[in-house]
């Protein structure tokens, strides 16, 4: 852990969504190009780590990168500064999607 800094990454574990993106506070088709945690993460892959020293509030929007359809929302304050996290996006269209937040340390 690094005081005042956090690292976050996204894993796409959804079999029926080829690529996912995670944007903070919006989905690009609604408000233009936003501040992303991860872009175009292919199924079975992890994004590069996103390192920040900003303690933001708001919402992560998980969406299908190709259709820009919202899959899930998650409050940003779930991952405070000082720790590192992996957000694993799971589920299927017929049962819904979820995000498992794994604190690395």
N, C-alpha and C. Protein backbone atom coordinates (compact mmCIF):
# COMPACT_ATOMS: atom_id res chain seq x y z
N UNK A 1 0.82 -1.20 0.00
CA UNK A 1 0.00 0.00 0.00
C UNK A 1 0.86 1.26 0.00
N UNK A 2 0.39 2.28 -0.68
CA UNK A 2 1.06 3.57 -0.71
C UNK A 2 0.08 4.60 -0.17
N UNK A 3 0.44 5.28 0.89
CA UNK A 3 -0.43 6.27 1.50
C UNK A 3 -0.83 7.33 0.47
N UNK A 4 -2.13 7.60 0.37
CA UNK A 4 -2.62 8.65 -0.52
C UNK A 4 -2.66 8.27 -1.99
N UNK A 5 -2.50 7.00 -2.30
CA UNK A 5 -2.52 6.56 -3.70
C UNK A 5 -3.22 5.21 -3.79
N UNK A 6 -3.92 4.98 -4.87
CA UNK A 6 -4.55 3.67 -5.07
C UNK A 6 -4.39 3.24 -6.52
N UNK A 7 -4.38 1.94 -6.71
CA UNK A 7 -4.27 1.34 -8.04
C UNK A 7 -5.50 0.46 -8.22
N UNK A 8 -6.16 0.63 -9.38
CA UNK A 8 -7.37 -0.15 -9.66
C UNK A 8 -7.26 -0.74 -11.05
N UNK A 9 -7.74 -1.95 -11.21
CA UNK A 9 -7.77 -2.57 -12.54
C UNK A 9 -9.08 -3.33 -12.69
N UNK A 10 -9.41 -3.68 -13.93
CA UNK A 10 -10.68 -4.32 -14.25
C UNK A 10 -10.41 -5.62 -14.99
N UNK A 11 -11.13 -6.69 -14.61
CA UNK A 11 -11.06 -7.97 -15.30
C UNK A 11 -12.42 -8.24 -15.92
N UNK A 12 -12.43 -8.61 -17.20
CA UNK A 12 -13.67 -8.96 -17.89
C UNK A 12 -13.87 -10.48 -17.81
N UNK A 13 -14.80 -10.91 -16.95
CA UNK A 13 -15.10 -12.33 -16.80
C UNK A 13 -16.53 -12.62 -17.26
N UNK A 14 -17.00 -11.86 -18.24
CA UNK A 14 -18.34 -12.05 -18.79
C UNK A 14 -18.20 -12.76 -20.13
N UNK A 15 -18.78 -13.93 -20.25
CA UNK A 15 -18.64 -14.71 -21.48
C UNK A 15 -19.39 -14.10 -22.66
N UNK A 16 -20.45 -13.35 -22.39
CA UNK A 16 -21.26 -12.84 -23.50
C UNK A 16 -21.03 -11.38 -23.85
N UNK A 17 -20.07 -10.73 -23.20
CA UNK A 17 -19.71 -9.36 -23.56
C UNK A 17 -18.25 -9.37 -23.98
N UNK A 18 -18.01 -9.14 -25.26
CA UNK A 18 -16.66 -9.26 -25.82
C UNK A 18 -15.69 -8.24 -25.22
N UNK A 19 -16.14 -7.00 -25.05
CA UNK A 19 -15.28 -5.96 -24.47
C UNK A 19 -16.10 -5.07 -23.55
N UNK A 20 -15.53 -4.78 -22.38
CA UNK A 20 -16.19 -3.87 -21.44
C UNK A 20 -15.32 -2.65 -21.20
N UNK A 21 -15.96 -1.58 -20.78
CA UNK A 21 -15.27 -0.37 -20.35
C UNK A 21 -15.90 0.07 -19.04
N UNK A 22 -15.14 0.83 -18.24
CA UNK A 22 -15.63 1.37 -16.98
C UNK A 22 -15.31 2.85 -16.97
N UNK A 23 -16.36 3.65 -16.89
CA UNK A 23 -16.23 5.11 -16.91
C UNK A 23 -16.72 5.67 -15.58
N UNK A 24 -16.17 6.79 -15.18
CA UNK A 24 -16.55 7.42 -13.92
C UNK A 24 -17.61 8.49 -14.20
N UNK A 25 -18.74 8.36 -13.55
CA UNK A 25 -19.85 9.33 -13.55
C UNK A 25 -20.70 9.39 -14.81
N UNK A 26 -20.42 8.62 -15.86
CA UNK A 26 -21.27 8.66 -17.05
C UNK A 26 -20.91 7.52 -17.99
N UNK A 27 -21.75 7.34 -19.01
CA UNK A 27 -21.44 6.47 -20.13
C UNK A 27 -21.25 7.39 -21.33
N UNK A 28 -20.19 7.22 -22.10
CA UNK A 28 -19.88 8.18 -23.17
C UNK A 28 -21.03 8.53 -24.11
N UNK A 29 -21.94 7.61 -24.42
CA UNK A 29 -23.02 7.95 -25.35
C UNK A 29 -24.00 8.94 -24.74
N UNK A 30 -23.97 9.07 -23.44
CA UNK A 30 -24.87 9.99 -22.76
C UNK A 30 -24.24 11.37 -22.63
N UNK A 31 -22.99 11.44 -22.27
CA UNK A 31 -22.38 12.75 -21.97
C UNK A 31 -21.06 13.01 -22.68
N UNK A 32 -20.73 12.28 -23.71
CA UNK A 32 -19.45 12.47 -24.38
C UNK A 32 -18.36 11.61 -23.76
N UNK A 33 -17.12 11.81 -24.16
CA UNK A 33 -16.01 11.00 -23.68
C UNK A 33 -15.69 11.35 -22.24
N UNK A 34 -15.79 10.38 -21.35
CA UNK A 34 -15.60 10.63 -19.93
C UNK A 34 -14.27 10.15 -19.40
N UNK A 35 -14.14 10.24 -18.09
CA UNK A 35 -12.94 9.82 -17.37
C UNK A 35 -13.06 8.31 -17.11
N UNK A 36 -12.22 7.51 -17.75
CA UNK A 36 -12.33 6.06 -17.68
C UNK A 36 -11.35 5.44 -16.68
N UNK A 37 -11.82 4.41 -16.01
CA UNK A 37 -10.96 3.53 -15.21
C UNK A 37 -10.33 2.50 -16.14
N UNK A 38 -11.10 2.01 -17.12
CA UNK A 38 -10.60 1.02 -18.08
C UNK A 38 -11.40 1.15 -19.37
N UNK A 39 -10.73 0.87 -20.50
CA UNK A 39 -11.39 0.92 -21.81
C UNK A 39 -11.14 -0.37 -22.56
N UNK A 40 -12.18 -0.88 -23.20
CA UNK A 40 -12.08 -1.99 -24.14
C UNK A 40 -11.33 -3.20 -23.58
N UNK A 41 -11.75 -3.68 -22.41
CA UNK A 41 -11.12 -4.85 -21.79
C UNK A 41 -11.78 -6.10 -22.38
N UNK A 42 -11.02 -6.89 -23.09
CA UNK A 42 -11.53 -8.10 -23.75
C UNK A 42 -11.87 -9.18 -22.73
N UNK A 43 -12.80 -10.07 -23.13
CA UNK A 43 -13.18 -11.19 -22.28
C UNK A 43 -11.93 -12.00 -21.90
N UNK A 44 -11.80 -12.30 -20.61
CA UNK A 44 -10.69 -13.09 -20.10
C UNK A 44 -9.42 -12.30 -19.84
N UNK A 45 -9.47 -10.99 -20.03
CA UNK A 45 -8.28 -10.16 -19.87
C UNK A 45 -8.46 -9.16 -18.72
N UNK A 46 -7.34 -8.59 -18.29
CA UNK A 46 -7.35 -7.53 -17.27
C UNK A 46 -6.83 -6.25 -17.90
N UNK A 47 -7.34 -5.14 -17.42
CA UNK A 47 -6.87 -3.84 -17.89
C UNK A 47 -5.53 -3.51 -17.24
N UNK A 48 -4.87 -2.52 -17.76
CA UNK A 48 -3.68 -1.97 -17.11
C UNK A 48 -4.15 -1.31 -15.81
N UNK A 49 -3.27 -1.21 -14.85
CA UNK A 49 -3.62 -0.56 -13.58
C UNK A 49 -3.82 0.93 -13.80
N UNK A 50 -4.84 1.46 -13.18
CA UNK A 50 -5.12 2.89 -13.19
C UNK A 50 -4.73 3.42 -11.81
N UNK A 51 -3.70 4.24 -11.75
CA UNK A 51 -3.18 4.75 -10.49
C UNK A 51 -3.64 6.18 -10.29
N UNK A 52 -4.14 6.50 -9.10
CA UNK A 52 -4.63 7.84 -8.82
C UNK A 52 -4.30 8.26 -7.40
N UNK A 53 -4.23 9.56 -7.19
CA UNK A 53 -4.08 10.10 -5.85
C UNK A 53 -5.26 11.02 -5.52
N UNK A 54 -6.33 10.95 -6.34
CA UNK A 54 -7.54 11.72 -6.11
C UNK A 54 -8.56 10.88 -5.38
N UNK A 55 -9.11 11.41 -4.31
CA UNK A 55 -10.15 10.72 -3.56
C UNK A 55 -11.49 11.19 -4.09
N UNK A 56 -11.97 10.54 -5.15
CA UNK A 56 -13.19 10.95 -5.84
C UNK A 56 -14.42 10.29 -5.24
N UNK A 57 -15.54 10.95 -5.42
CA UNK A 57 -16.85 10.38 -5.12
C UNK A 57 -17.63 10.34 -6.42
N UNK A 58 -18.60 9.47 -6.50
CA UNK A 58 -19.38 9.34 -7.71
C UNK A 58 -19.72 7.90 -7.97
N UNK A 59 -19.80 7.52 -9.24
CA UNK A 59 -20.22 6.17 -9.62
C UNK A 59 -19.39 5.66 -10.78
N UNK A 60 -19.01 4.38 -10.72
CA UNK A 60 -18.40 3.71 -11.86
C UNK A 60 -19.53 3.13 -12.70
N UNK A 61 -19.51 3.38 -13.99
CA UNK A 61 -20.47 2.77 -14.91
C UNK A 61 -19.74 1.72 -15.73
N UNK A 62 -20.15 0.45 -15.56
CA UNK A 62 -19.60 -0.66 -16.33
C UNK A 62 -20.51 -0.83 -17.53
N UNK A 63 -19.92 -0.82 -18.75
CA UNK A 63 -20.76 -0.92 -19.94
C UNK A 63 -20.09 -1.73 -21.03
N UNK A 64 -20.94 -2.23 -21.94
CA UNK A 64 -20.48 -2.96 -23.13
C UNK A 64 -19.79 -1.93 -24.02
N UNK A 65 -18.51 -2.12 -24.29
CA UNK A 65 -17.73 -1.13 -25.04
C UNK A 65 -18.18 -1.00 -26.50
N UNK A 66 -18.80 -2.03 -27.03
CA UNK A 66 -19.23 -1.99 -28.44
C UNK A 66 -20.61 -1.36 -28.60
N UNK A 67 -21.55 -1.71 -27.73
CA UNK A 67 -22.91 -1.19 -27.86
C UNK A 67 -23.17 0.00 -26.93
N UNK A 68 -22.26 0.22 -26.00
CA UNK A 68 -22.39 1.25 -24.96
C UNK A 68 -23.64 1.07 -24.11
N UNK A 69 -23.98 -0.19 -23.87
CA UNK A 69 -25.11 -0.54 -23.02
C UNK A 69 -24.62 -0.72 -21.59
N UNK A 70 -25.29 -0.08 -20.64
CA UNK A 70 -24.91 -0.17 -19.24
C UNK A 70 -25.13 -1.59 -18.72
N UNK A 71 -24.12 -2.13 -18.01
CA UNK A 71 -24.22 -3.46 -17.41
C UNK A 71 -24.38 -3.41 -15.90
N UNK A 72 -23.72 -2.42 -15.25
CA UNK A 72 -23.71 -2.39 -13.79
C UNK A 72 -23.20 -1.02 -13.34
N UNK A 73 -23.61 -0.59 -12.14
CA UNK A 73 -23.06 0.63 -11.54
C UNK A 73 -22.51 0.30 -10.16
N UNK A 74 -21.49 1.04 -9.78
CA UNK A 74 -20.78 0.77 -8.52
C UNK A 74 -20.31 2.10 -7.94
N UNK A 75 -20.55 2.37 -6.64
CA UNK A 75 -20.07 3.63 -6.05
C UNK A 75 -18.55 3.69 -6.01
N UNK A 76 -17.97 4.83 -6.38
CA UNK A 76 -16.52 5.00 -6.39
C UNK A 76 -15.94 4.85 -5.00
N UNK A 77 -16.62 5.30 -3.96
CA UNK A 77 -16.06 5.28 -2.62
C UNK A 77 -15.87 3.89 -2.04
N UNK A 78 -16.20 2.83 -2.81
CA UNK A 78 -15.89 1.47 -2.37
C UNK A 78 -14.40 1.20 -2.34
N UNK A 79 -13.61 2.01 -3.03
CA UNK A 79 -12.17 1.76 -3.14
C UNK A 79 -11.39 3.01 -2.71
N UNK A 80 -11.25 3.23 -1.39
CA UNK A 80 -10.57 4.44 -0.92
C UNK A 80 -9.06 4.40 -1.19
N UNK A 81 -8.46 5.56 -1.11
CA UNK A 81 -7.01 5.67 -1.33
C UNK A 81 -6.23 4.85 -0.31
N UNK A 82 -5.04 4.41 -0.70
CA UNK A 82 -4.16 3.67 0.19
C UNK A 82 -4.17 2.17 -0.04
N UNK A 83 -5.10 1.68 -0.84
CA UNK A 83 -5.19 0.25 -1.11
C UNK A 83 -5.31 0.02 -2.61
N UNK A 84 -5.07 -1.21 -3.05
CA UNK A 84 -5.18 -1.55 -4.47
C UNK A 84 -6.31 -2.54 -4.66
N UNK A 85 -7.02 -2.40 -5.78
CA UNK A 85 -8.23 -3.18 -6.02
C UNK A 85 -8.28 -3.73 -7.42
N UNK A 86 -8.94 -4.88 -7.54
CA UNK A 86 -9.30 -5.43 -8.84
C UNK A 86 -10.81 -5.55 -8.87
N UNK A 87 -11.42 -5.02 -9.93
CA UNK A 87 -12.85 -5.11 -10.14
C UNK A 87 -13.10 -6.20 -11.18
N UNK A 88 -13.72 -7.31 -10.77
CA UNK A 88 -13.98 -8.42 -11.67
C UNK A 88 -15.44 -8.35 -12.09
N UNK A 89 -15.67 -8.11 -13.38
CA UNK A 89 -17.03 -8.02 -13.90
C UNK A 89 -17.46 -9.43 -14.32
N UNK A 90 -18.56 -9.90 -13.71
CA UNK A 90 -19.04 -11.27 -13.95
C UNK A 90 -20.51 -11.24 -14.33
N UNK A 91 -21.00 -12.36 -14.84
CA UNK A 91 -22.42 -12.51 -15.11
C UNK A 91 -22.71 -12.76 -16.57
N UNK A 92 -24.01 -12.84 -16.85
CA UNK A 92 -24.51 -13.07 -18.21
C UNK A 92 -25.76 -12.23 -18.40
N UNK A 93 -26.10 -11.98 -19.64
CA UNK A 93 -27.27 -11.17 -19.95
C UNK A 93 -28.55 -11.75 -19.33
N UNK A 94 -28.71 -13.06 -19.38
CA UNK A 94 -29.94 -13.66 -18.88
C UNK A 94 -30.06 -13.65 -17.36
N UNK A 95 -28.96 -13.52 -16.63
CA UNK A 95 -29.01 -13.50 -15.17
C UNK A 95 -28.57 -12.20 -14.55
N UNK A 96 -28.05 -11.29 -15.34
CA UNK A 96 -27.57 -10.01 -14.83
C UNK A 96 -26.07 -10.02 -14.60
N UNK A 97 -25.53 -8.85 -14.42
CA UNK A 97 -24.09 -8.66 -14.23
C UNK A 97 -23.82 -8.13 -12.82
N UNK A 98 -22.65 -8.43 -12.32
CA UNK A 98 -22.21 -7.96 -11.02
C UNK A 98 -20.74 -7.63 -11.09
N UNK A 99 -20.24 -6.93 -10.07
CA UNK A 99 -18.82 -6.63 -9.97
C UNK A 99 -18.33 -7.13 -8.62
N UNK A 100 -17.32 -7.97 -8.65
CA UNK A 100 -16.67 -8.45 -7.44
C UNK A 100 -15.47 -7.55 -7.20
N UNK A 101 -15.42 -6.93 -6.03
CA UNK A 101 -14.30 -6.04 -5.70
C UNK A 101 -13.34 -6.81 -4.81
N UNK A 102 -12.12 -6.99 -5.31
CA UNK A 102 -11.10 -7.73 -4.57
C UNK A 102 -9.98 -6.77 -4.16
N UNK A 103 -9.81 -6.63 -2.83
CA UNK A 103 -8.74 -5.78 -2.33
C UNK A 103 -7.45 -6.59 -2.38
N UNK A 104 -6.44 -6.07 -3.08
CA UNK A 104 -5.20 -6.80 -3.24
C UNK A 104 -4.31 -6.72 -2.02
N UNK A 105 -4.26 -5.58 -1.38
CA UNK A 105 -3.56 -5.40 -0.10
C UNK A 105 -3.91 -4.08 0.50
